[in-house]
Amino acid sequence: MKQITAIIADDEENLRIGITTMLEQLWPQLTILGQAENGIEALSLIEKIRPDIAFLDIQMPGMTGVEVAKKSAGLSKVVFITAYDQYAVQAFESEAVDYILKPLTMDRLHTTILRLKNQLGAKDDTRYVDEKLKKVIQVLENRITPDYLRLIKVKTGDDLRFVPVSQVLYFKAEDKYTIVQTAGHEFLIKTPIKELENTLDPNQFWRVHRSAIVNIDKIKIVKRSFTHQMMVGFDGINQCIRVSRSHEHLFKQM
């Protein structure tokens, strides 16, 4: 009997752990070959190990799940992990492309597993399956536009200012605050890094460390420190942001 394999791609570690645990309970015969925390890593995994199934979060840094599915079409069956509204869900269901709606539940995952088993056991026309996926991707790309954050509200003394997100070089967690750094100013806000990340365009803002998000449009240089630590520098300021080793692969793709 052929071994069924899968990968799981989501930028939230807790979700990756949760879905892995659920799959182990509901489908012990399934082998998880790898996990990815961003779209670039997910695409690399799919191309390298060709899993039967790819569980892809739609919103990931580096490359969205939709972009990964588009670039890897035909290599794996796709199950989207999504927090989208009912409109998007209808698009999935109308084309029989499966999805898991956040927050995940055992019942919903069980239904997905049954559908996957049926699909894997059937002799589907691959071209027909690919066409269904293409239709869903088209809906997600053309009709559902994520409402990314455009302005950051900050206080300067007693005044309130709105800073365009496009001007931000980086966000960095600092004690109980988050630093909002532009070329000319440093502001403090109380919004946590993780909460900010979910509102920013993942194609423009990359999480490079558990405490830092950078605007890749503003990066001037990527270099190594004397301790061989990867650092990114920006136009207009002398400060650099450290890139954790688990995120260095993002820049190897540039």
Protein backbone atom coordinates (compact mmCIF):
# COMPACT_ATOMS: atom_id res chain seq x y z
CA MET A 1 0.00 0.00 0.00
CA LYS A 2 1.42 3.39 -1.03
CA GLN A 3 2.49 5.65 1.80
CA ILE A 4 0.56 8.96 1.84
CA THR A 5 2.69 12.00 2.63
CA ALA A 6 2.05 15.65 3.45
CA ILE A 7 3.62 18.94 4.46
CA ILE A 8 2.13 21.68 6.65
CA ALA A 9 2.82 25.36 5.97
CA ASP A 10 1.70 28.09 8.38
CA ASP A 11 3.55 30.99 9.97
CA GLU A 12 1.93 30.22 13.34
CA GLU A 13 3.91 27.54 15.17
CA ASN A 14 0.97 26.71 17.45
CA LEU A 15 -1.24 26.02 14.45
CA ARG A 16 1.38 23.77 12.84
CA ILE A 17 1.69 21.83 16.08
CA GLY A 18 -2.09 21.66 16.45
CA ILE A 19 -2.82 20.33 12.97
CA THR A 20 0.05 17.84 13.23
CA THR A 21 -1.35 16.50 16.51
CA MET A 22 -4.87 16.26 15.06
CA LEU A 23 -3.64 14.46 11.94
CA GLU A 24 -1.67 11.97 14.03
CA GLN A 25 -4.88 11.12 15.89
CA LEU A 26 -7.28 11.09 12.95
CA TRP A 27 -5.00 9.72 10.22
CA PRO A 28 -2.08 7.82 11.80
CA GLN A 29 -1.13 6.31 8.42
CA LEU A 30 -0.32 9.78 7.05
CA THR A 31 3.36 10.73 7.15
CA ILE A 32 4.23 14.41 7.69
CA LEU A 33 7.46 14.95 5.77
CA GLY A 34 8.07 18.55 6.76
CA GLN A 35 6.79 21.89 8.00
CA ALA A 36 7.24 25.41 6.68
CA GLU A 37 6.71 28.76 8.39
CA ASN A 38 6.53 30.87 5.23
CA GLY A 39 5.57 30.57 1.58
CA ILE A 40 9.10 30.45 0.19
CA GLU A 41 9.99 27.53 2.42
CA ALA A 42 6.70 25.79 1.58
CA LEU A 43 7.32 26.01 -2.18
CA SER A 44 10.85 24.69 -1.74
CA LEU A 45 9.57 21.72 0.28
CA ILE A 46 6.89 20.85 -2.26
CA GLU A 47 9.32 21.00 -5.17
CA LYS A 48 11.93 18.97 -3.30
CA ILE A 49 9.89 16.15 -1.72
CA ARG A 50 6.69 16.15 -3.82
CA PRO A 51 4.22 15.33 -1.00
CA ASP A 52 0.80 13.93 -1.87
CA ILE A 53 -0.88 16.72 0.13
CA ALA A 54 0.12 20.29 0.98
CA PHE A 55 -1.73 22.03 3.81
CA LEU A 56 -1.18 25.72 3.01
CA ASP A 57 -2.13 28.74 5.09
CA ILE A 58 -3.37 31.44 2.72
CA GLN A 59 -1.66 34.31 4.58
CA MET A 60 2.08 33.65 5.00
CA PRO A 61 5.13 35.92 4.81
CA GLY A 62 7.41 35.74 1.79
CA MET A 63 4.79 34.15 -0.44
CA THR A 64 1.08 33.54 0.18
CA GLY A 65 -0.45 30.08 0.15
CA VAL A 66 -2.28 31.04 -3.03
CA GLU A 67 1.02 31.93 -4.74
CA VAL A 68 2.58 28.67 -3.54
CA ALA A 69 -0.37 26.67 -4.91
CA LYS A 70 -0.10 28.50 -8.24
CA LYS A 71 3.64 27.90 -8.61
CA SER A 72 3.43 24.24 -7.52
CA ALA A 73 0.26 23.33 -9.42
CA GLY A 74 0.11 19.64 -10.26
CA LEU A 75 2.73 18.56 -7.70
CA SER A 76 0.45 18.04 -4.68
CA LYS A 77 -3.20 18.12 -3.68
CA VAL A 78 -3.86 21.39 -1.87
CA VAL A 79 -5.81 22.01 1.32
CA PHE A 80 -6.02 25.73 2.14
CA ILE A 81 -5.98 26.86 5.77
CA THR A 82 -7.99 30.06 5.88
CA ALA A 83 -9.63 32.64 8.10
CA TYR A 84 -11.55 34.09 5.14
CA ASP A 85 -15.25 34.78 5.15
CA GLN A 86 -18.11 32.75 3.73
CA TYR A 87 -17.71 34.28 0.26
CA ALA A 88 -14.29 32.69 -0.13
CA VAL A 89 -15.48 29.43 1.39
CA GLN A 90 -18.18 29.24 -1.27
CA ALA A 91 -15.50 29.59 -3.93
CA PHE A 92 -13.65 26.60 -2.49
CA GLU A 93 -16.76 24.45 -2.21
CA SER A 94 -18.03 25.27 -5.70
CA GLU A 95 -14.84 23.85 -7.21
CA ALA A 96 -14.35 20.97 -4.74
CA VAL A 97 -10.99 22.32 -3.59
CA ASP A 98 -10.72 21.64 0.10
CA TYR A 99 -10.09 24.11 2.90
CA ILE A 100 -9.92 24.22 6.68
CA LEU A 101 -11.42 27.26 8.34
CA LYS A 102 -9.67 28.75 11.38
CA PRO A 103 -9.98 28.00 14.23
CA LEU A 104 -9.38 24.34 13.39
CA THR A 105 -11.69 21.64 14.74
CA MET A 106 -11.38 17.87 14.82
CA ASP A 107 -14.75 17.45 13.07
CA ARG A 108 -13.81 19.69 10.14
CA LEU A 109 -10.39 18.06 9.76
CA HIS A 110 -12.03 14.63 9.82
CA THR A 111 -14.27 15.69 6.90
CA THR A 112 -11.20 16.93 5.01
CA ILE A 113 -9.41 13.62 5.59
CA LEU A 114 -12.36 11.64 4.20
CA ARG A 115 -12.40 13.84 1.09
CA LEU A 116 -8.65 13.46 0.63
CA LYS A 117 -8.84 9.68 0.94
CA ASN A 118 -11.56 9.58 -1.72
CA GLN A 119 -9.56 11.85 -4.04
CA LEU A 120 -6.35 9.89 -3.56
CA GLY A 121 -8.16 6.62 -4.19
CA ALA A 122 -9.90 7.83 -7.34
CA LYS A 123 -8.35 7.98 -10.79
CA ASP A 124 -9.09 11.63 -11.39
CA ASP A 125 -8.10 13.38 -14.57
CA THR A 126 -5.15 15.45 -13.34
CA ARG A 127 -5.85 18.20 -15.84
CA TYR A 128 -9.43 18.48 -14.55
CA VAL A 129 -8.26 18.71 -10.92
CA ASP A 130 -5.69 21.37 -11.85
CA GLU A 131 -8.37 23.41 -13.63
CA LYS A 132 -10.52 23.39 -10.47
CA LEU A 133 -7.60 24.67 -8.44
CA LYS A 134 -6.86 27.38 -11.01
CA LYS A 135 -10.44 28.65 -10.75
CA VAL A 136 -10.19 28.96 -6.97
CA ILE A 137 -6.82 30.71 -7.24
CA GLN A 138 -8.35 33.17 -9.70
CA VAL A 139 -11.16 33.95 -7.25
CA LEU A 140 -8.70 34.52 -4.41
CA GLU A 141 -6.37 36.67 -6.53
CA ASN A 142 -8.94 38.78 -8.35
CA ARG A 143 -11.96 39.08 -6.08
CA ILE A 144 -10.69 38.94 -2.53
CA THR A 145 -8.27 41.75 -1.76
CA PRO A 146 -6.81 41.60 1.77
CA ASP A 147 -7.30 44.86 3.65
CA TYR A 148 -3.74 45.43 4.77
CA LEU A 149 -2.79 48.16 7.22
CA ARG A 150 -1.95 51.45 5.50
CA LEU A 151 -1.54 53.89 8.41
CA ILE A 152 -0.05 53.49 11.88
CA LYS A 153 -1.54 55.64 14.62
CA VAL A 154 1.16 57.04 16.94
CA LYS A 155 1.33 59.64 19.71
CA THR A 156 3.94 62.40 19.83
CA GLY A 157 3.46 64.21 23.12
CA ASP A 158 -0.20 65.18 23.26
CA ASP A 159 -0.60 64.98 19.48
CA LEU A 160 -1.87 62.07 17.40
CA ARG A 161 -0.16 61.27 14.09
CA PHE A 162 -0.82 58.82 11.28
CA VAL A 163 2.34 57.35 9.78
CA PRO A 164 2.05 55.66 6.35
CA VAL A 165 3.10 52.02 6.66
CA SER A 166 5.08 52.39 3.43
CA GLN A 167 7.45 54.79 5.28
CA VAL A 168 8.21 52.33 8.10
CA LEU A 169 11.66 50.72 7.94
CA TYR A 170 10.99 48.16 10.65
CA PHE A 171 8.93 47.24 13.69
CA LYS A 172 10.79 45.96 16.75
CA ALA A 173 9.50 44.69 20.08
CA GLU A 174 10.98 46.61 23.00
CA ASP A 175 9.82 45.75 26.55
CA LYS A 176 6.06 46.42 26.63
CA TYR A 177 6.11 48.49 23.44
CA THR A 178 6.80 48.14 19.72
CA ILE A 179 9.21 50.53 18.04
CA VAL A 180 7.99 51.98 14.74
CA GLN A 181 11.11 53.16 12.95
CA THR A 182 11.04 55.50 9.94
CA ALA A 183 14.01 57.21 8.27
CA GLY A 184 13.53 60.33 10.40
CA HIS A 185 11.69 59.27 13.56
CA GLU A 186 11.21 56.54 16.14
CA PHE A 187 7.75 56.05 17.60
CA LEU A 188 6.41 53.72 20.28
CA ILE A 189 3.08 51.89 20.06
CA LYS A 190 1.48 49.28 22.29
CA THR A 191 0.41 46.88 19.52
CA PRO A 192 2.37 43.58 19.84
CA ILE A 193 4.53 42.38 16.95
CA LYS A 194 2.41 39.28 16.36
CA GLU A 195 -0.77 41.32 16.11
CA LEU A 196 0.91 43.76 13.71
CA GLU A 197 2.21 40.96 11.51
CA ASN A 198 -1.32 39.75 10.81
CA THR A 199 -2.30 43.18 9.43
CA LEU A 200 0.74 43.80 7.19
CA ASP A 201 1.24 42.80 3.56
CA PRO A 202 3.42 39.65 3.74
CA ASN A 203 4.95 40.46 0.36
CA GLN A 204 6.35 43.71 1.75
CA PHE A 205 6.89 43.03 5.46
CA TRP A 206 8.92 40.01 6.56
CA ARG A 207 9.27 38.64 10.06
CA VAL A 208 13.06 38.23 10.40
CA HIS A 209 13.19 37.60 14.13
CA ARG A 210 10.65 36.83 16.82
CA SER A 211 10.93 40.48 17.86
CA ALA A 212 11.32 42.22 14.48
CA ILE A 213 9.48 42.79 11.18
CA VAL A 214 11.24 44.62 8.33
CA ASN A 215 10.01 46.47 5.25
CA ILE A 216 11.93 44.74 2.43
CA ASP A 217 11.38 47.75 0.15
CA LYS A 218 13.53 49.81 2.54
CA ILE A 219 16.44 47.39 2.95
CA LYS A 220 19.72 48.87 1.74
CA ILE A 221 22.12 46.05 2.60
CA VAL A 222 22.22 42.49 3.94
CA LYS A 223 25.52 41.68 5.62
CA ARG A 224 27.27 39.51 8.22
CA SER A 225 28.56 40.80 11.56
CA PHE A 226 31.98 39.83 12.95
CA THR A 227 30.19 36.96 14.75
CA HIS A 228 28.77 35.84 11.36
CA GLN A 229 25.26 36.94 12.31
CA MET A 230 23.14 38.08 9.37
CA MET A 231 22.06 41.74 9.64
CA VAL A 232 19.92 44.02 7.48
CA GLY A 233 20.55 47.74 7.11
CA PHE A 234 18.29 50.52 5.86
CA ASP A 235 18.46 53.80 3.98
CA GLY A 236 18.70 56.89 6.20
CA ILE A 237 19.65 55.30 9.54
CA ASN A 238 22.68 53.57 11.09
CA GLN A 239 20.77 50.89 13.01
CA CYS A 240 20.66 47.32 11.75
CA ILE A 241 18.23 44.53 12.52
CA ARG A 242 19.45 41.03 13.32
CA VAL A 243 18.04 38.13 11.28
CA SER A 244 17.54 34.92 13.22
CA ARG A 245 19.06 31.79 11.69
CA SER A 246 15.61 30.30 11.14
CA HIS A 247 14.74 33.26 8.88
CA GLU A 248 17.99 33.63 6.93
CA HIS A 249 16.62 31.54 4.06
CA LEU A 250 14.26 34.41 3.16
CA PHE A 251 17.20 36.45 1.91
CA LYS A 252 18.87 33.61 0.08
CA GLN A 253 15.93 33.75 -2.35
CA MET A 254 16.50 37.44 -3.16
